[in-house]
Amino acid sequence: MDLGFGEVQSSEFETEMTDLVVEKPQFYSVSWDVGFGGSISNCGVIKNNIIYFGACDEYIYAVDLNTGKGLWKYKASGRFVEARPSLYENNYYHGCYDGYMYKLDIREGKLVWKFKTGDRITSQATLNNGILYFSSFDGNVYAIDDKTGKEVWRFKTGNWVGTGPLIYKSILYVGSGDGYLYALTMDGKEKWRFKTGGAILHYRPAPHKDGIMYFPSSDRNLYAVNMETGKEIWRFKTGDRTEVSPLIHEDVIYFGAHDNNFYALDAKTGKEIWRFRAKNFVGDIHPIIHNNAIYFGSVDGNLYALSKKDGNVIWKFKTGASIWADAVYWNDMIIFGSYDCYMYSLNANTGKEIWRFPTSTKVQSVLEIREQIIVKPELKNSGLSVDDKSESYFSKTEEAKLETYGIGSEYSTVVSDYKQKSQYDIDVNMVENSQEEGMSWISHSRDLNPQILKQK
């Protein structure tokens, strides 16, 4: 019998595939790649009526916000994809798929220095007391002297690191693809670590309030953790993974997930206040709030403006492809990029287009995603036990051009033949079928309470 792990020759090992039961997944991870193109997948930073941003065409752009006209562009040696740029005074910092962290002087668009890591960078950089902190997919968290671009120290985690470091009370917090949230001293020594059931990925630093940090994991939970002790306070379960840096506003947490929902939670208790269901999932998006509206994009190609009170739609604007970029607010304008290779400016109150800026090519980037779920199998009715240390790997692969996500045909999904029905499948189906698209739902958390753990 061949279970996909090699053929077993023993005649005593006789069982049907129906005897293989997949228990709860033990760890969730994800890998992906984004190809060259004119798509915009991060956000812009603003100073003196100019927005600065990078794109998948390997350029960093400076665009006049009043006119939508380009002022200068800088050519790098790789794609600027998920990493959010940072701006301190006249210095622009942006991590790149070529493994470099770039520092540019925005006054002329000239390179100051670039620092090479061992893999791509999706982390936003944080500057503190003359040291620049960021992470890399080579598994390291880096501290770099801002003046010289030279390494001060690095800290090695157990897997890739794509999250933006957060600094709070002289402690640096960063999540890794190994599933741990690390708390480090400012000289790179570990203070504590907190383990989740999946890879931790959010490109901006995680938000915090009153000594509590909020961050997502690919295990489908949003966590609230005490920043001093590393103890869990609560967790909220979504229907699929989430890879965002949530927004905290007036004791409410706002974030989206790959289950197509955008959530509003009580920050103190983790109880759901309302949810809005988009036509496709909400990807690497950090929402923003202006007045009574909350703004975010979706893979369905829409930029949404919702009421922050109840999640009802105020307006939505359709682009030509998926939106993975954060929006920014400036002077009654919402500015954001799309995979259709344009940077847009909309009226914040009406959603009407003011201008759009094209990148250097109209060829859209291609995203390839591979999700991996690690599970422990159990053989029923066979008289055989499975070693507790053993792990089996089941995965699904999603590969498509991003313009097909919710805009043309659905992306293709290939699921391993050996993945059986489990509680994981049931939970997802219940969530996906519980709400119509484009509708908000105030749940009052009747059956959606998070798991709350008492601290010792």
Protein backbone atom coordinates (compact mmCIF):
# COMPACT_ATOMS: atom_id res chain seq x y z
CA MET A 1 0.00 0.00 0.00
CA ASP A 2 1.30 3.46 -0.88
CA LEU A 3 0.22 6.26 1.44
CA GLY A 4 2.28 8.82 -0.38
CA PHE A 5 5.18 8.42 2.05
CA GLY A 6 6.82 5.53 0.24
CA GLU A 7 5.56 2.04 -0.56
CA VAL A 8 5.19 -0.37 2.38
CA GLN A 9 6.09 -3.97 1.50
CA SER A 10 4.80 -5.77 4.63
CA SER A 11 1.68 -7.82 3.97
CA GLU A 12 0.61 -7.22 7.59
CA PHE A 13 0.22 -3.51 6.87
CA GLU A 14 -3.21 -3.65 5.25
CA THR A 15 -5.63 -0.74 5.53
CA GLU A 16 -7.84 1.43 3.38
CA MET A 17 -7.40 5.14 2.88
CA THR A 18 -10.63 5.61 4.84
CA ASP A 19 -8.75 4.32 7.90
CA LEU A 20 -6.35 7.26 7.78
CA VAL A 21 -7.77 10.04 9.91
CA VAL A 22 -6.13 13.44 9.99
CA GLU A 23 -6.30 14.98 13.43
CA LYS A 24 -6.11 18.70 14.14
CA PRO A 25 -3.34 20.44 12.22
CA GLN A 26 -0.22 20.93 14.33
CA PHE A 27 1.42 23.81 12.46
CA TYR A 28 0.50 26.12 9.59
CA SER A 29 3.06 27.70 7.30
CA VAL A 30 3.11 29.41 3.93
CA SER A 31 5.61 30.22 1.22
CA TRP A 32 5.20 32.37 -1.85
CA ASP A 33 6.92 34.30 -4.59
CA VAL A 34 6.01 37.40 -6.56
CA GLY A 35 7.38 37.93 -10.05
CA PHE A 36 8.50 41.04 -11.90
CA GLY A 37 5.82 43.47 -13.04
CA GLY A 38 4.36 46.92 -12.50
CA SER A 39 2.17 45.85 -9.57
CA ILE A 40 2.17 47.77 -6.29
CA SER A 41 2.01 45.61 -3.17
CA ASN A 42 3.13 47.91 -0.35
CA CYS A 43 2.16 51.41 0.76
CA GLY A 44 3.50 54.90 0.37
CA VAL A 45 5.02 57.31 2.88
CA ILE A 46 4.36 61.03 2.64
CA LYS A 47 6.36 64.19 3.23
CA ASN A 48 5.87 67.71 1.88
CA ASN A 49 3.02 66.79 -0.50
CA ILE A 50 5.04 63.95 -2.05
CA ILE A 51 4.38 60.23 -1.73
CA TYR A 52 7.26 57.74 -1.95
CA PHE A 53 6.77 54.04 -2.66
CA GLY A 54 8.33 50.99 -4.29
CA ALA A 55 6.89 48.59 -6.86
CA CYS A 56 7.45 45.14 -8.31
CA ASP A 57 9.15 46.75 -11.36
CA GLU A 58 12.25 47.37 -9.14
CA TYR A 59 11.70 51.14 -8.95
CA ILE A 60 11.18 53.49 -6.01
CA TYR A 61 8.97 56.43 -7.05
CA ALA A 62 8.37 59.98 -5.85
CA VAL A 63 4.95 61.34 -6.94
CA ASP A 64 3.43 64.78 -6.43
CA LEU A 65 0.18 64.29 -4.49
CA ASN A 66 -1.48 67.39 -5.89
CA THR A 67 -0.98 66.48 -9.54
CA GLY A 68 -0.26 62.74 -9.62
CA LYS A 69 2.89 63.42 -11.65
CA GLY A 70 6.16 61.57 -11.11
CA LEU A 71 9.11 63.58 -9.80
CA TRP A 72 11.90 60.99 -9.76
CA LYS A 73 12.46 57.25 -9.65
CA TYR A 74 15.32 55.09 -8.42
CA LYS A 75 16.20 51.73 -10.01
CA ALA A 76 17.17 48.93 -7.62
CA SER A 77 18.28 45.38 -8.38
CA GLY A 78 15.16 43.64 -7.12
CA ARG A 79 11.42 43.89 -6.55
CA PHE A 80 9.80 45.92 -3.78
CA VAL A 81 6.87 43.76 -2.77
CA GLU A 82 5.51 43.31 0.76
CA ALA A 83 7.97 45.40 2.80
CA ARG A 84 6.47 48.71 3.88
CA PRO A 85 8.83 51.69 3.51
CA SER A 86 9.87 53.89 6.43
CA LEU A 87 10.65 57.60 6.36
CA TYR A 88 12.73 59.40 8.98
CA GLU A 89 13.48 63.07 8.20
CA ASN A 90 14.84 62.98 4.62
CA ASN A 91 15.83 59.31 4.67
CA TYR A 92 13.76 56.59 3.01
CA TYR A 93 14.28 52.92 4.01
CA HIS A 94 12.88 50.03 2.01
CA GLY A 95 13.54 46.27 2.09
CA CYS A 96 13.75 44.46 -1.23
CA TYR A 97 13.46 40.97 -2.73
CA ASP A 98 17.14 41.20 -3.71
CA GLY A 99 17.99 40.89 0.00
CA TYR A 100 19.09 44.51 0.41
CA MET A 101 17.81 47.15 2.77
CA TYR A 102 18.02 50.45 0.85
CA LYS A 103 18.51 53.90 2.35
CA LEU A 104 17.78 56.81 -0.01
CA ASP A 105 17.93 60.59 0.39
CA ILE A 106 14.47 61.65 -0.79
CA ARG A 107 15.56 65.15 -1.80
CA GLU A 108 17.23 63.81 -4.94
CA GLY A 109 16.41 60.13 -4.91
CA LYS A 110 20.05 59.16 -4.36
CA LEU A 111 21.33 56.03 -2.63
CA VAL A 112 22.98 56.62 0.77
CA TRP A 113 23.83 52.97 1.47
CA LYS A 114 22.40 49.49 1.08
CA PHE A 115 22.89 46.50 3.37
CA LYS A 116 22.87 42.92 2.10
CA THR A 117 21.14 40.06 3.91
CA GLY A 118 20.93 36.41 2.89
CA ASP A 119 17.39 36.47 1.48
CA ARG A 120 14.50 38.75 0.61
CA ILE A 121 13.22 41.38 3.00
CA THR A 122 9.50 41.85 3.66
CA SER A 123 9.92 43.65 6.97
CA GLN A 124 9.37 47.33 7.59
CA ALA A 125 12.41 48.95 9.22
CA THR A 126 12.32 50.75 12.57
CA LEU A 127 14.87 53.42 13.53
CA ASN A 128 15.68 53.85 17.23
CA ASN A 129 18.59 55.78 18.76
CA GLY A 130 20.64 55.67 15.58
CA ILE A 131 20.13 51.94 14.98
CA LEU A 132 17.93 50.53 12.21
CA TYR A 133 16.11 47.28 13.03
CA PHE A 134 14.52 44.92 10.50
CA SER A 135 14.24 41.23 9.66
CA SER A 136 15.01 39.02 6.67
CA PHE A 137 13.90 35.73 5.19
CA ASP A 138 17.39 34.43 5.98
CA GLY A 139 15.98 33.93 9.50
CA ASN A 140 17.74 36.85 11.16
CA VAL A 141 16.71 40.02 12.92
CA TYR A 142 19.24 42.76 12.15
CA ALA A 143 20.49 45.86 13.94
CA ILE A 144 22.36 48.24 11.59
CA ASP A 145 24.20 51.46 12.31
CA ASP A 146 22.13 54.07 10.50
CA LYS A 147 25.07 56.34 9.63
CA THR A 148 27.40 53.71 8.22
CA GLY A 149 25.08 50.91 7.13
CA LYS A 150 27.25 48.44 9.05
CA GLU A 151 25.91 45.55 11.09
CA VAL A 152 25.80 45.95 14.88
CA TRP A 153 24.27 42.56 15.72
CA ARG A 154 21.94 39.90 14.40
CA PHE A 155 19.64 37.40 16.11
CA LYS A 156 18.88 34.03 14.52
CA THR A 157 15.39 32.52 14.73
CA GLY A 158 14.27 29.05 13.68
CA ASN A 159 12.86 30.00 10.27
CA TRP A 160 12.34 32.93 7.93
CA VAL A 161 11.37 36.28 9.43
CA GLY A 162 9.05 38.61 7.55
CA THR A 163 7.67 40.79 10.34
CA GLY A 164 8.49 44.39 11.18
CA PRO A 165 10.14 44.70 14.62
CA LEU A 166 8.30 46.60 17.34
CA ILE A 167 10.25 48.47 20.03
CA TYR A 168 8.51 49.17 23.33
CA LYS A 169 10.18 50.07 26.64
CA SER A 170 13.62 49.04 25.36
CA ILE A 171 12.43 45.58 24.24
CA LEU A 172 12.25 44.50 20.61
CA TYR A 173 9.36 42.21 19.60
CA VAL A 174 9.38 40.22 16.37
CA GLY A 175 7.53 37.14 15.08
CA SER A 176 9.06 34.39 12.94
CA GLY A 177 8.05 31.73 10.48
CA ASP A 178 8.95 29.22 13.21
CA GLY A 179 5.75 30.21 15.03
CA TYR A 180 7.42 32.09 17.90
CA LEU A 181 7.02 35.67 18.99
CA TYR A 182 10.41 36.75 20.36
CA ALA A 183 11.12 39.45 22.93
CA LEU A 184 14.74 40.64 22.63
CA THR A 185 16.86 43.11 24.55
CA MET A 186 18.29 46.00 22.57
CA ASP A 187 21.62 44.18 22.29
CA GLY A 188 19.98 41.15 20.67
CA LYS A 189 19.57 38.81 23.63
CA GLU A 190 16.40 36.76 24.04
CA LYS A 191 14.19 37.65 27.01
CA TRP A 192 11.28 35.30 26.31
CA ARG A 193 9.43 33.64 23.46
CA PHE A 194 5.74 32.84 22.92
CA LYS A 195 4.71 29.93 20.70
CA THR A 196 1.75 29.90 18.32
CA GLY A 197 0.55 27.11 16.04
CA GLY A 198 1.69 28.70 12.79
CA ALA A 199 4.05 31.07 11.04
CA ILE A 200 3.83 34.69 12.22
CA LEU A 201 3.74 37.22 9.41
CA HIS A 202 2.85 40.91 9.46
CA TYR A 203 5.02 43.37 7.58
CA ARG A 204 4.50 46.35 9.85
CA PRO A 205 5.34 46.32 13.56
CA ALA A 206 2.46 44.82 15.53
CA PRO A 207 0.18 47.29 17.36
CA HIS A 208 0.09 47.53 21.13
CA LYS A 209 -1.84 49.31 23.85
CA ASP A 210 -1.56 49.33 27.66
CA GLY A 211 1.24 46.78 27.61
CA ILE A 212 -0.62 44.32 25.38
CA MET A 213 0.56 43.36 21.91
CA TYR A 214 -1.81 42.14 19.19
CA PHE A 215 -0.58 40.00 16.31
CA PRO A 216 -1.79 37.29 13.91
CA SER A 217 -0.57 33.78 13.17
CA SER A 218 -1.10 31.41 10.27
CA ASP A 219 -2.80 29.10 12.78
CA ARG A 220 -5.86 31.34 12.19
CA ASN A 221 -5.73 33.12 15.52
CA LEU A 222 -5.28 36.73 16.46
CA TYR A 223 -3.40 36.86 19.76
CA ALA A 224 -3.28 39.33 22.64
CA VAL A 225 -0.09 38.84 24.70
CA ASN A 226 1.28 40.60 27.76
CA MET A 227 4.44 42.35 26.60
CA GLU A 228 6.21 42.10 29.94
CA THR A 229 5.59 38.43 30.72
CA GLY A 230 4.86 36.88 27.32
CA LYS A 231 1.65 35.35 28.70
CA GLU A 232 -1.41 34.97 26.50
CA ILE A 233 -4.44 37.05 27.47
CA TRP A 234 -6.85 35.98 24.76
CA ARG A 235 -7.00 34.66 21.24
CA PHE A 236 -9.65 35.04 18.53
CA LYS A 237 -10.18 32.31 15.94
CA THR A 238 -10.85 33.23 12.31
CA GLY A 239 -11.82 30.92 9.44
CA ASP A 240 -8.45 31.10 7.68
CA ARG A 241 -5.01 32.56 8.17
CA THR A 242 -4.37 36.25 8.62
CA GLU A 243 -1.18 38.14 7.75
CA VAL A 244 -1.87 41.70 8.74
CA SER A 245 -0.84 44.24 11.30
CA PRO A 246 -4.19 45.07 12.91
CA LEU A 247 -5.34 48.59 13.70
CA ILE A 248 -6.28 49.63 17.25
CA HIS A 249 -8.65 52.57 17.49
CA GLU A 250 -10.68 53.56 20.55
CA ASP A 251 -10.28 50.10 22.16
CA VAL A 252 -11.40 48.32 19.00
CA ILE A 253 -9.15 46.09 16.88
CA TYR A 254 -9.77 46.04 13.12
CA PHE A 255 -8.23 43.44 10.80
CA GLY A 256 -8.96 41.25 7.80
CA ALA A 257 -8.36 37.56 7.13
CA HIS A 258 -8.17 35.02 4.33
CA ASP A 259 -11.68 33.82 5.20
CA ASN A 260 -12.97 36.89 3.26
CA ASN A 261 -14.01 38.64 6.49
CA PHE A 262 -12.98 41.96 7.97
CA TYR A 263 -13.39 41.98 11.77
CA ALA A 264 -13.92 44.47 14.56
CA LEU A 265 -13.08 43.11 18.05
CA ASP A 266 -13.14 44.49 21.57
CA ALA A 267 -9.44 44.97 22.36
CA LYS A 268 -9.83 44.16 26.04
CA THR A 269 -11.85 40.96 25.76
CA GLY A 270 -11.31 39.77 22.17
CA LYS A 271 -15.07 39.53 21.64
CA GLU A 272 -16.34 40.18 18.15
CA ILE A 273 -18.32 43.38 17.61
CA TRP A 274 -19.02 43.04 13.89
CA ARG A 275 -17.68 41.52 10.72
CA PHE A 276 -17.91 42.45 7.05
CA ARG A 277 -17.65 39.86 4.30
CA ALA A 278 -15.86 40.86 1.09
CA LYS A 279 -16.02 38.98 -2.21
CA ASN A 280 -12.52 37.59 -1.67
CA PHE A 281 -9.97 37.55 1.11
CA VAL A 282 -8.31 40.52 2.75
CA GLY A 283 -4.58 40.07 2.33
CA ASP A 284 -1.57 41.94 3.69
CA ILE A 285 -3.56 45.05 4.54
CA HIS A 286 -3.21 47.46 7.44
CA PRO A 287 -6.50 49.41 7.58
CA ILE A 288 -6.70 53.14 8.26
CA ILE A 289 -9.40 55.29 9.86
CA HIS A 290 -10.45 58.83 9.05
CA ASN A 291 -13.41 60.39 10.84
CA ASN A 292 -16.04 57.65 11.04
CA ALA A 293 -14.82 55.52 8.14
CA ILE A 294 -12.34 52.66 7.97
CA TYR A 295 -10.54 51.99 4.68
CA PHE A 296 -8.93 48.80 3.36
CA GLY A 297 -8.48 46.87 0.12
CA SER A 298 -9.23 43.27 -0.82
CA VAL A 299 -8.08 40.65 -3.29
CA ASP A 300 -11.50 41.16 -4.92
CA GLY A 301 -10.03 44.41 -6.33
CA ASN A 302 -12.15 46.79 -4.25
CA LEU A 303 -11.03 49.55 -1.92
CA TYR A 304 -13.73 49.62 0.80
CA ALA A 305 -14.87 52.46 3.01
CA LEU A 306 -16.95 51.07 5.90
CA SER A 307 -18.63 52.60 8.90
CA LYS A 308 -16.32 51.89 11.83
CA LYS A 309 -19.39 51.59 14.06
CA ASP A 310 -21.23 48.74 12.35
CA GLY A 311 -19.26 47.74 9.23
CA ASN A 312 -21.81 48.95 6.72
CA VAL A 313 -20.49 50.03 3.32
CA ILE A 314 -20.15 53.78 2.77
CA TRP A 315 -18.59 53.36 -0.68
CA LYS A 316 -16.29 51.05 -2.60
CA PHE A 317 -13.99 51.62 -5.56
CA LYS A 318 -13.10 48.90 -8.06
CA THR A 319 -9.60 48.67 -9.50
CA GLY A 320 -8.40 46.44 -12.33
CA ALA A 321 -6.74 43.81 -10.13
CA SER A 322 -6.22 42.67 -6.55
CA ILE A 323 -5.29 45.09 -3.78
CA TRP A 324 -2.54 44.03 -1.37
CA ALA A 325 -1.31 47.53 -0.52
CA ASP A 326 -2.15 49.62 2.53
CA ALA A 327 -3.96 52.89 1.94
CA VAL A 328 -2.73 56.20 3.34
CA TYR A 329 -4.70 59.38 4.06
CA TRP A 330 -3.69 62.87 2.97
CA ASN A 331 -5.72 66.07 2.64
CA ASP A 332 -9.14 64.37 2.17
CA MET A 333 -7.59 61.84 -0.21
CA ILE A 334 -7.12 58.10 0.11
CA ILE A 335 -4.00 56.96 -1.76
CA PHE A 336 -3.24 53.30 -2.44
CA GLY A 337 -1.70 50.96 -5.00
CA SER A 338 -3.13 48.00 -6.89
CA TYR A 339 -1.79 44.97 -8.73
CA ASP A 340 -3.15 46.62 -11.90
CA CYS A 341 0.07 48.72 -11.87
CA TYR A 342 -1.48 52.03 -10.75
CA MET A 343 -1.23 54.20 -7.67
CA TYR A 344 -4.68 55.74 -7.06
CA SER A 345 -5.92 58.88 -5.36
CA LEU A 346 -9.60 58.92 -4.32
CA ASN A 347 -11.82 61.43 -2.57
CA ALA A 348 -12.03 60.12 0.99
CA ASN A 349 -15.69 61.08 1.37
CA THR A 350 -17.12 59.93 -1.95
CA GLY A 351 -14.67 57.37 -3.35
CA LYS A 352 -14.40 59.29 -6.63
CA GLU A 353 -11.10 59.01 -8.48
CA ILE A 354 -8.89 62.11 -8.49
CA TRP A 355 -5.86 60.74 -10.33
CA ARG A 356 -3.94 57.56 -11.02
CA PHE A 357 -0.20 57.13 -11.56
CA PRO A 358 1.17 54.29 -13.73
CA THR A 359 4.35 52.40 -12.92
CA SER A 360 6.91 51.58 -15.62
CA THR A 361 5.10 48.55 -17.08
CA LYS A 362 1.49 47.39 -17.41
CA VAL A 363 2.57 43.76 -17.04
CA GLN A 364 1.12 42.56 -13.75
CA SER A 365 3.19 40.55 -11.32
CA VAL A 366 2.39 36.88 -10.77
CA LEU A 367 1.92 35.55 -7.26
CA GLU A 368 2.51 31.89 -6.42
CA ILE A 369 1.39 30.69 -2.98
CA ARG A 370 2.01 27.38 -1.29
CA GLU A 371 0.34 26.63 2.02
CA GLN A 372 1.69 23.85 4.23
CA ILE A 373 -0.24 22.18 7.01
CA ILE A 374 1.58 19.81 9.34
CA VAL A 375 -0.71 17.18 10.88
CA LYS A 376 -0.39 14.02 12.95
CA PRO A 377 -2.12 10.97 11.38
CA GLU A 378 -3.87 8.18 13.24
CA LEU A 379 -4.53 4.74 11.80
CA LYS A 380 -7.86 3.26 12.90
CA ASN A 381 -8.79 -0.44 12.97
CA SER A 382 -5.29 -1.47 11.96
CA GLY A 383 -3.82 -2.38 15.34
CA LEU A 384 -0.99 0.07 14.66
CA SER A 385 -0.11 3.18 16.60
CA VAL A 386 1.56 6.28 15.24
CA ASP A 387 4.65 7.65 16.97
CA ASP A 388 3.78 10.92 18.70
CA LYS A 389 6.93 12.46 17.26
CA SER A 390 5.99 11.68 13.69
CA GLU A 391 4.61 14.37 11.43
CA SER A 392 2.98 14.22 8.04
CA TYR A 393 2.85 17.12 5.61
CA PHE A 394 -0.23 17.97 3.59
CA SER A 395 -0.34 21.03 1.41
CA LYS A 396 -2.40 22.88 -1.10
CA THR A 397 -0.97 25.02 -3.83
CA GLU A 398 -2.55 28.19 -5.21
CA GLU A 399 -0.94 29.57 -8.34
CA ALA A 400 -2.46 32.29 -10.47
CA LYS A 401 -2.00 35.72 -11.91
CA LEU A 402 -3.46 38.10 -9.38
CA GLU A 403 -5.91 39.63 -11.81
CA THR A 404 -7.84 36.36 -11.68
CA TYR A 405 -8.44 36.58 -7.93
CA GLY A 406 -12.11 37.44 -7.64
CA ILE A 407 -12.01 39.44 -10.85
CA GLY A 408 -11.95 36.84 -13.60
CA SER A 409 -12.12 33.15 -12.82
CA GLU A 410 -11.29 31.75 -9.37
CA TYR A 411 -7.74 30.61 -8.78
CA SER A 412 -7.03 26.91 -9.07
CA THR A 413 -6.56 24.82 -5.95
CA VAL A 414 -4.75 21.51 -5.83
CA VAL A 415 -5.27 19.52 -2.64
CA SER A 416 -3.29 16.43 -1.70
CA ASP A 417 -5.19 13.20 -2.35
CA TYR A 418 -4.34 12.09 1.16
CA LYS A 419 -5.99 14.94 3.01
CA GLN A 420 -9.15 13.61 4.65
CA LYS A 421 -12.15 15.45 6.04
CA SER A 422 -11.32 16.96 9.42
CA GLN A 423 -12.53 19.57 11.86
CA TYR A 424 -10.29 22.00 9.97
CA ASP A 425 -12.42 21.61 6.86
CA ILE A 426 -15.69 21.82 8.76
CA ASP A 427 -14.74 25.03 10.54
CA VAL A 428 -13.78 26.74 7.28
CA ASN A 429 -16.98 25.71 5.52
CA MET A 430 -19.12 26.95 8.39
CA VAL A 431 -17.45 30.34 8.30
CA GLU A 432 -17.53 30.67 4.53
CA ASN A 433 -21.24 29.79 4.35
CA SER A 434 -22.37 31.81 7.34
CA GLN A 435 -22.58 35.20 5.68
CA GLU A 436 -23.36 36.72 2.32
CA GLU A 437 -20.78 38.75 0.43
CA GLY A 438 -20.75 42.50 0.88
CA MET A 439 -22.75 42.39 4.10
CA SER A 440 -21.83 43.36 7.64
CA TRP A 441 -22.88 41.24 10.55
CA ILE A 442 -23.06 42.34 14.19
CA SER A 443 -22.51 39.12 16.09
CA HIS A 444 -22.63 40.20 19.74
CA SER A 445 -20.15 37.33 20.13
CA ARG A 446 -22.88 34.89 21.11
CA ASP A 447 -21.02 31.82 19.88
CA LEU A 448 -17.81 33.49 18.82
CA ASN A 449 -16.14 34.17 22.16
CA PRO A 450 -12.38 33.84 22.13
CA GLN A 451 -10.45 31.57 24.41
CA ILE A 452 -9.45 33.68 27.40
CA LEU A 453 -6.62 32.43 29.58
CA LYS A 454 -6.06 33.57 33.15
CA GLN A 455 -2.59 34.85 33.81
CA LYS A 456 -0.66 33.34 36.65
